[in-house]
Amino acid sequence: MRTKASDEVLASTSLTATPSGNVPADLADEVHAVRDIVLHMIEESARHAGHLDIARELIDGQTGLGAR
């Protein structure tokens, strides 16, 4: 979820900066820069949005693409 605080942090931090917090051990090989964290958040958001879209389609039978 986007918040004012996260927008401010990203606006003032280089995507190539090293994360200043603790990186979980299971992600240590994957997370080397702020860019890696942002990409992970985008992937997670897309994944969850996709799951919700599938559930909605099962409920109402409509696909996500309507008339254009």
PDB file of N, CA and C in Angstrom:
ATOM      1  N   MET A   1       0.838  -1.163   0.000  1.00  0.00           N
ATOM      2  CA  MET A   1       0.000   0.000   0.000  1.00  0.00           C
ATOM      3  C   MET A   1       0.889   1.235   0.000  1.00  0.00           C
ATOM      4  N   ARG A   2       0.580   2.157  -0.878  1.00  0.00           N
ATOM      5  CA  ARG A   2       1.321   3.413  -0.928  1.00  0.00           C
ATOM      6  C   ARG A   2       0.897   4.311   0.210  1.00  0.00           C
ATOM      7  N   THR A   3       1.860   4.911   0.826  1.00  0.00           N
ATOM      8  CA  THR A   3       1.587   5.886   1.871  1.00  0.00           C
ATOM      9  C   THR A   3       2.463   7.104   1.630  1.00  0.00           C
ATOM     10  N   LYS A   4       2.109   8.196   2.270  1.00  0.00           N
ATOM     11  CA  LYS A   4       2.909   9.410   2.158  1.00  0.00           C
ATOM     12  C   LYS A   4       4.336   9.143   2.638  1.00  0.00           C
ATOM     13  N   ALA A   5       4.468   8.394   3.732  1.00  0.00           N
ATOM     14  CA  ALA A   5       5.797   8.103   4.278  1.00  0.00           C
ATOM     15  C   ALA A   5       6.644   7.302   3.286  1.00  0.00           C
ATOM     16  N   SER A   6       6.054   6.281   2.663  1.00  0.00           N
ATOM     17  CA  SER A   6       6.833   5.477   1.713  1.00  0.00           C
ATOM     18  C   SER A   6       7.195   6.302   0.479  1.00  0.00           C
ATOM     19  N   ASP A   7       6.274   7.173   0.029  1.00  0.00           N
ATOM     20  CA  ASP A   7       6.578   8.055  -1.101  1.00  0.00           C
ATOM     21  C   ASP A   7       7.758   8.966  -0.768  1.00  0.00           C
ATOM     22  N   GLU A   8       7.784   9.507   0.460  1.00  0.00           N
ATOM     23  CA  GLU A   8       8.868  10.399   0.875  1.00  0.00           C
ATOM     24  C   GLU A   8      10.206   9.654   0.946  1.00  0.00           C
ATOM     25  N   VAL A   9      10.183   8.447   1.481  1.00  0.00           N
ATOM     26  CA  VAL A   9      11.418   7.657   1.568  1.00  0.00           C
ATOM     27  C   VAL A   9      11.944   7.362   0.172  1.00  0.00           C
ATOM     28  N   LEU A  10      11.086   6.913  -0.730  1.00  0.00           N
ATOM     29  CA  LEU A  10      11.536   6.574  -2.085  1.00  0.00           C
ATOM     30  C   LEU A  10      11.990   7.810  -2.853  1.00  0.00           C
ATOM     31  N   ALA A  11      11.363   8.961  -2.597  1.00  0.00           N
ATOM     32  CA  ALA A  11      11.764  10.192  -3.283  1.00  0.00           C
ATOM     33  C   ALA A  11      13.145  10.661  -2.839  1.00  0.00           C
ATOM     34  N   SER A  12      13.531  10.323  -1.627  1.00  0.00           N
ATOM     35  CA  SER A  12      14.806  10.813  -1.099  1.00  0.00           C
ATOM     36  C   SER A  12      15.894   9.735  -1.037  1.00  0.00           C
ATOM     37  N   THR A  13      15.616   8.553  -1.584  1.00  0.00           N
ATOM     38  CA  THR A  13      16.572   7.442  -1.511  1.00  0.00           C
ATOM     39  C   THR A  13      16.880   6.932  -2.913  1.00  0.00           C
ATOM     40  N   SER A  14      18.143   6.739  -3.194  1.00  0.00           N
ATOM     41  CA  SER A  14      18.543   6.186  -4.480  1.00  0.00           C
ATOM     42  C   SER A  14      18.131   4.712  -4.549  1.00  0.00           C
ATOM     43  N   LEU A  15      17.671   4.287  -5.711  1.00  0.00           N
ATOM     44  CA  LEU A  15      17.311   2.879  -5.880  1.00  0.00           C
ATOM     45  C   LEU A  15      18.526   1.964  -5.790  1.00  0.00           C
ATOM     46  N   THR A  16      19.715   2.524  -5.925  1.00  0.00           N
ATOM     47  CA  THR A  16      20.927   1.714  -5.825  1.00  0.00           C
ATOM     48  C   THR A  16      21.492   1.692  -4.403  1.00  0.00           C
ATOM     49  N   ALA A  17      20.835   2.397  -3.475  1.00  0.00           N
ATOM     50  CA  ALA A  17      21.302   2.437  -2.086  1.00  0.00           C
ATOM     51  C   ALA A  17      21.165   1.066  -1.434  1.00  0.00           C
ATOM     52  N   THR A  18      22.053   0.789  -0.523  1.00  0.00           N
ATOM     53  CA  THR A  18      21.981  -0.437   0.267  1.00  0.00           C
ATOM     54  C   THR A  18      20.894  -0.275   1.320  1.00  0.00           C
ATOM     55  N   PRO A  19      20.020  -1.271   1.495  1.00  0.00           N
ATOM     56  CA  PRO A  19      18.966  -1.162   2.512  1.00  0.00           C
ATOM     57  C   PRO A  19      19.572  -0.918   3.891  1.00  0.00           C
ATOM     58  N   SER A  20      18.938  -0.036   4.668  1.00  0.00           N
ATOM     59  CA  SER A  20      19.486   0.293   5.985  1.00  0.00           C
ATOM     60  C   SER A  20      18.935  -0.598   7.089  1.00  0.00           C
ATOM     61  N   GLY A  21      17.872  -1.332   6.814  1.00  0.00           N
ATOM     62  CA  GLY A  21      17.288  -2.219   7.817  1.00  0.00           C
ATOM     63  C   GLY A  21      17.857  -3.619   7.719  1.00  0.00           C
ATOM     64  N   ASN A  22      17.329  -4.485   8.531  1.00  0.00           N
ATOM     65  CA  ASN A  22      17.754  -5.890   8.505  1.00  0.00           C
ATOM     66  C   ASN A  22      17.074  -6.623   7.360  1.00  0.00           C
ATOM     67  N   VAL A  23      17.848  -7.336   6.595  1.00  0.00           N
ATOM     68  CA  VAL A  23      17.314  -8.152   5.507  1.00  0.00           C
ATOM     69  C   VAL A  23      17.204  -9.573   6.032  1.00  0.00           C
ATOM     70  N   PRO A  24      16.013 -10.195   5.937  1.00  0.00           N
ATOM     71  CA  PRO A  24      15.863 -11.569   6.420  1.00  0.00           C
ATOM     72  C   PRO A  24      16.879 -12.498   5.757  1.00  0.00           C
ATOM     73  N   ALA A  25      17.360 -13.449   6.512  1.00  0.00           N
ATOM     74  CA  ALA A  25      18.402 -14.361   6.033  1.00  0.00           C
ATOM     75  C   ALA A  25      18.015 -15.056   4.731  1.00  0.00           C
ATOM     76  N   ASP A  26      16.732 -15.424   4.591  1.00  0.00           N
ATOM     77  CA  ASP A  26      16.322 -16.140   3.383  1.00  0.00           C
ATOM     78  C   ASP A  26      16.285 -15.241   2.140  1.00  0.00           C
ATOM     79  N   LEU A  27      16.397 -13.921   2.323  1.00  0.00           N
ATOM     80  CA  LEU A  27      16.415 -12.997   1.185  1.00  0.00           C
ATOM     81  C   LEU A  27      17.783 -12.345   0.983  1.00  0.00           C
ATOM     82  N   ALA A  28      18.729 -12.669   1.831  1.00  0.00           N
ATOM     83  CA  ALA A  28      20.038 -12.010   1.796  1.00  0.00           C
ATOM     84  C   ALA A  28      20.734 -12.136   0.440  1.00  0.00           C
ATOM     85  N   ASP A  29      20.539 -13.239  -0.267  1.00  0.00           N
ATOM     86  CA  ASP A  29      21.174 -13.416  -1.573  1.00  0.00           C
ATOM     87  C   ASP A  29      20.473 -12.640  -2.678  1.00  0.00           C
ATOM     88  N   GLU A  30      19.230 -12.207  -2.419  1.00  0.00           N
ATOM     89  CA  GLU A  30      18.440 -11.518  -3.440  1.00  0.00           C
ATOM     90  C   GLU A  30      18.358 -10.013  -3.249  1.00  0.00           C
ATOM     91  N   VAL A  31      18.458  -9.529  -2.026  1.00  0.00           N
ATOM     92  CA  VAL A  31      18.258  -8.111  -1.735  1.00  0.00           C
ATOM     93  C   VAL A  31      19.603  -7.437  -1.488  1.00  0.00           C
ATOM     94  N   HIS A  32      20.004  -6.598  -2.456  1.00  0.00           N
ATOM     95  CA  HIS A  32      21.277  -5.892  -2.347  1.00  0.00           C
ATOM     96  C   HIS A  32      21.092  -4.377  -2.427  1.00  0.00           C
ATOM     97  N   ALA A  33      19.909  -3.940  -2.899  1.00  0.00           N
ATOM     98  CA  ALA A  33      19.650  -2.513  -3.089  1.00  0.00           C
ATOM     99  C   ALA A  33      18.165  -2.233  -2.848  1.00  0.00           C
ATOM    100  N   VAL A  34      17.862  -0.971  -2.667  1.00  0.00           N
ATOM    101  CA  VAL A  34      16.471  -0.555  -2.473  1.00  0.00           C
ATOM    102  C   VAL A  34      15.632  -0.993  -3.674  1.00  0.00           C
ATOM    103  N   ARG A  35      16.228  -0.971  -4.864  1.00  0.00           N
ATOM    104  CA  ARG A  35      15.529  -1.406  -6.084  1.00  0.00           C
ATOM    105  C   ARG A  35      14.973  -2.828  -5.921  1.00  0.00           C
ATOM    106  N   ASP A  36      15.717  -3.710  -5.281  1.00  0.00           N
ATOM    107  CA  ASP A  36      15.274  -5.091  -5.079  1.00  0.00           C
ATOM    108  C   ASP A  36      14.029  -5.147  -4.191  1.00  0.00           C
ATOM    109  N   ILE A  37      13.970  -4.281  -3.196  1.00  0.00           N
ATOM    110  CA  ILE A  37      12.810  -4.244  -2.297  1.00  0.00           C
ATOM    111  C   ILE A  37      11.594  -3.707  -3.043  1.00  0.00           C
ATOM    112  N   VAL A  38      11.784  -2.643  -3.817  1.00  0.00           N
ATOM    113  CA  VAL A  38      10.677  -2.066  -4.586  1.00  0.00           C
ATOM    114  C   VAL A  38      10.137  -3.095  -5.578  1.00  0.00           C
ATOM    115  N   LEU A  39      11.020  -3.786  -6.273  1.00  0.00           N
ATOM    116  CA  LEU A  39      10.597  -4.819  -7.224  1.00  0.00           C
ATOM    117  C   LEU A  39       9.817  -5.919  -6.519  1.00  0.00           C
ATOM    118  N   HIS A  40      10.281  -6.340  -5.349  1.00  0.00           N
ATOM    119  CA  HIS A  40       9.575  -7.365  -4.583  1.00  0.00           C
ATOM    120  C   HIS A  40       8.159  -6.899  -4.232  1.00  0.00           C
ATOM    121  N   MET A  41       8.020  -5.652  -3.822  1.00  0.00           N
ATOM    122  CA  MET A  41       6.698  -5.122  -3.459  1.00  0.00           C
ATOM    123  C   MET A  41       5.773  -5.066  -4.675  1.00  0.00           C
ATOM    124  N   ILE A  42       6.310  -4.696  -5.832  1.00  0.00           N
ATOM    125  CA  ILE A  42       5.508  -4.686  -7.061  1.00  0.00           C
ATOM    126  C   ILE A  42       5.052  -6.100  -7.400  1.00  0.00           C
ATOM    127  N   GLU A  43       5.970  -7.061  -7.311  1.00  0.00           N
ATOM    128  CA  GLU A  43       5.623  -8.465  -7.600  1.00  0.00           C
ATOM    129  C   GLU A  43       4.542  -8.975  -6.653  1.00  0.00           C
ATOM    130  N   GLU A  44       4.681  -8.685  -5.361  1.00  0.00           N
ATOM    131  CA  GLU A  44       3.692  -9.141  -4.375  1.00  0.00           C
ATOM    132  C   GLU A  44       2.334  -8.498  -4.614  1.00  0.00           C
ATOM    133  N   SER A  45       2.331  -7.207  -4.922  1.00  0.00           N
ATOM    134  CA  SER A  45       1.065  -6.515  -5.191  1.00  0.00           C
ATOM    135  C   SER A  45       0.371  -7.111  -6.414  1.00  0.00           C
ATOM    136  N   ALA A  46       1.136  -7.357  -7.475  1.00  0.00           N
ATOM    137  CA  ALA A  46       0.562  -7.938  -8.692  1.00  0.00           C
ATOM    138  C   ALA A  46       0.029  -9.337  -8.423  1.00  0.00           C
ATOM    139  N   ARG A  47       0.769 -10.112  -7.648  1.00  0.00           N
ATOM    140  CA  ARG A  47       0.343 -11.475  -7.341  1.00  0.00           C
ATOM    141  C   ARG A  47      -0.979 -11.471  -6.581  1.00  0.00           C
ATOM    142  N   HIS A  48      -1.068 -10.639  -5.566  1.00  0.00           N
ATOM    143  CA  HIS A  48      -2.293 -10.598  -4.755  1.00  0.00           C
ATOM    144  C   HIS A  48      -3.465 -10.016  -5.536  1.00  0.00           C
ATOM    145  N   ALA A  49      -3.198  -9.014  -6.357  1.00  0.00           N
ATOM    146  CA  ALA A  49      -4.266  -8.455  -7.189  1.00  0.00           C
ATOM    147  C   ALA A  49      -4.778  -9.519  -8.157  1.00  0.00           C
ATOM    148  N   GLY A  50      -3.874 -10.324  -8.692  1.00  0.00           N
ATOM    149  CA  GLY A  50      -4.273 -11.407  -9.591  1.00  0.00           C
ATOM    150  C   GLY A  50      -5.137 -12.439  -8.887  1.00  0.00           C
ATOM    151  N   HIS A  51      -4.785 -12.761  -7.653  1.00  0.00           N
ATOM    152  CA  HIS A  51      -5.582 -13.721  -6.883  1.00  0.00           C
ATOM    153  C   HIS A  51      -6.980 -13.176  -6.644  1.00  0.00           C
ATOM    154  N   LEU A  52      -7.069 -11.900  -6.299  1.00  0.00           N
ATOM    155  CA  LEU A  52      -8.386 -11.296  -6.066  1.00  0.00           C
ATOM    156  C   LEU A  52      -9.205 -11.276  -7.345  1.00  0.00           C
ATOM    157  N   ASP A  53      -8.556 -11.015  -8.479  1.00  0.00           N
ATOM    158  CA  ASP A  53      -9.267 -10.983  -9.752  1.00  0.00           C
ATOM    159  C   ASP A  53      -9.808 -12.364 -10.097  1.00  0.00           C
ATOM    160  N   ILE A  54      -9.040 -13.410  -9.822  1.00  0.00           N
ATOM    161  CA  ILE A  54      -9.506 -14.780 -10.070  1.00  0.00           C
ATOM    162  C   ILE A  54     -10.725 -15.077  -9.203  1.00  0.00           C
ATOM    163  N   ALA A  55     -10.669 -14.711  -7.926  1.00  0.00           N
ATOM    164  CA  ALA A  55     -11.804 -14.955  -7.022  1.00  0.00           C
ATOM    165  C   ALA A  55     -13.042 -14.212  -7.504  1.00  0.00           C
ATOM    166  N   ARG A  56     -12.859 -12.957  -7.924  1.00  0.00           N
ATOM    167  CA  ARG A  56     -13.992 -12.182  -8.418  1.00  0.00           C
ATOM    168  C   ARG A  56     -14.584 -12.818  -9.670  1.00  0.00           C
ATOM    169  N   GLU A  57     -13.738 -13.270 -10.593  1.00  0.00           N
ATOM    170  CA  GLU A  57     -14.224 -13.916 -11.806  1.00  0.00           C
ATOM    171  C   GLU A  57     -14.997 -15.190 -11.482  1.00  0.00           C
ATOM    172  N   LEU A  58     -14.557 -15.946 -10.480  1.00  0.00           N
ATOM    173  CA  LEU A  58     -15.278 -17.153 -10.087  1.00  0.00           C
ATOM    174  C   LEU A  58     -16.647 -16.807  -9.503  1.00  0.00           C
ATOM    175  N   ILE A  59     -16.734 -15.665  -8.853  1.00  0.00           N
ATOM    176  CA  ILE A  59     -18.008 -15.259  -8.243  1.00  0.00           C
ATOM    177  C   ILE A  59     -18.987 -14.730  -9.279  1.00  0.00           C
ATOM    178  N   ASP A  60     -18.526 -13.807 -10.141  1.00  0.00           N
ATOM    179  CA  ASP A  60     -19.486 -13.173 -11.057  1.00  0.00           C
ATOM    180  C   ASP A  60     -19.384 -13.632 -12.507  1.00  0.00           C
ATOM    181  N   GLY A  61     -18.387 -14.450 -12.820  1.00  0.00           N
ATOM    182  CA  GLY A  61     -18.270 -14.998 -14.169  1.00  0.00           C
ATOM    183  C   GLY A  61     -17.778 -14.014 -15.215  1.00  0.00           C
ATOM    184  N   GLN A  62     -17.454 -12.796 -14.797  1.00  0.00           N
ATOM    185  CA  GLN A  62     -17.007 -11.774 -15.743  1.00  0.00           C
ATOM    186  C   GLN A  62     -15.479 -11.729 -15.764  1.00  0.00           C
ATOM    187  N   THR A  63     -14.910 -11.542 -16.950  1.00  0.00           N
ATOM    188  CA  THR A  63     -13.474 -11.371 -17.036  1.00  0.00           C
ATOM    189  C   THR A  63     -13.124  -9.917 -16.735  1.00  0.00           C
ATOM    190  N   GLY A  64     -11.864  -9.658 -16.467  1.00  0.00           N
ATOM    191  CA  GLY A  64     -11.428  -8.317 -16.099  1.00  0.00           C
ATOM    192  C   GLY A  64     -11.466  -7.321 -17.230  1.00  0.00           C
ATOM    193  N   LEU A  65     -11.443  -7.792 -18.480  1.00  0.00           N
ATOM    194  CA  LEU A  65     -11.446  -6.871 -19.615  1.00  0.00           C
ATOM    195  C   LEU A  65     -12.867  -6.665 -20.116  1.00  0.00           C
ATOM    196  N   GLY A  66     -13.312  -5.450 -20.033  1.00  0.00           N
ATOM    197  CA  GLY A  66     -14.641  -5.105 -20.543  1.00  0.00           C
ATOM    198  C   GLY A  66     -14.527  -4.417 -21.895  1.00  0.00           C
ATOM    199  N   ALA A  67     -15.605  -3.802 -22.292  1.00  0.00           N
ATOM    200  CA  ALA A  67     -15.615  -3.067 -23.562  1.00  0.00           C
ATOM    201  C   ALA A  67     -14.593  -1.945 -23.522  1.00  0.00           C
ATOM    202  N   ARG A  68     -13.967  -1.723 -24.629  1.00  0.00           N
ATOM    203  CA  ARG A  68     -12.947  -0.660 -24.716  1.00  0.00           C
ATOM    204  C   ARG A  68     -13.356   0.355 -25.738  1.00  0.00           C
TER     205      ARG A  68
END
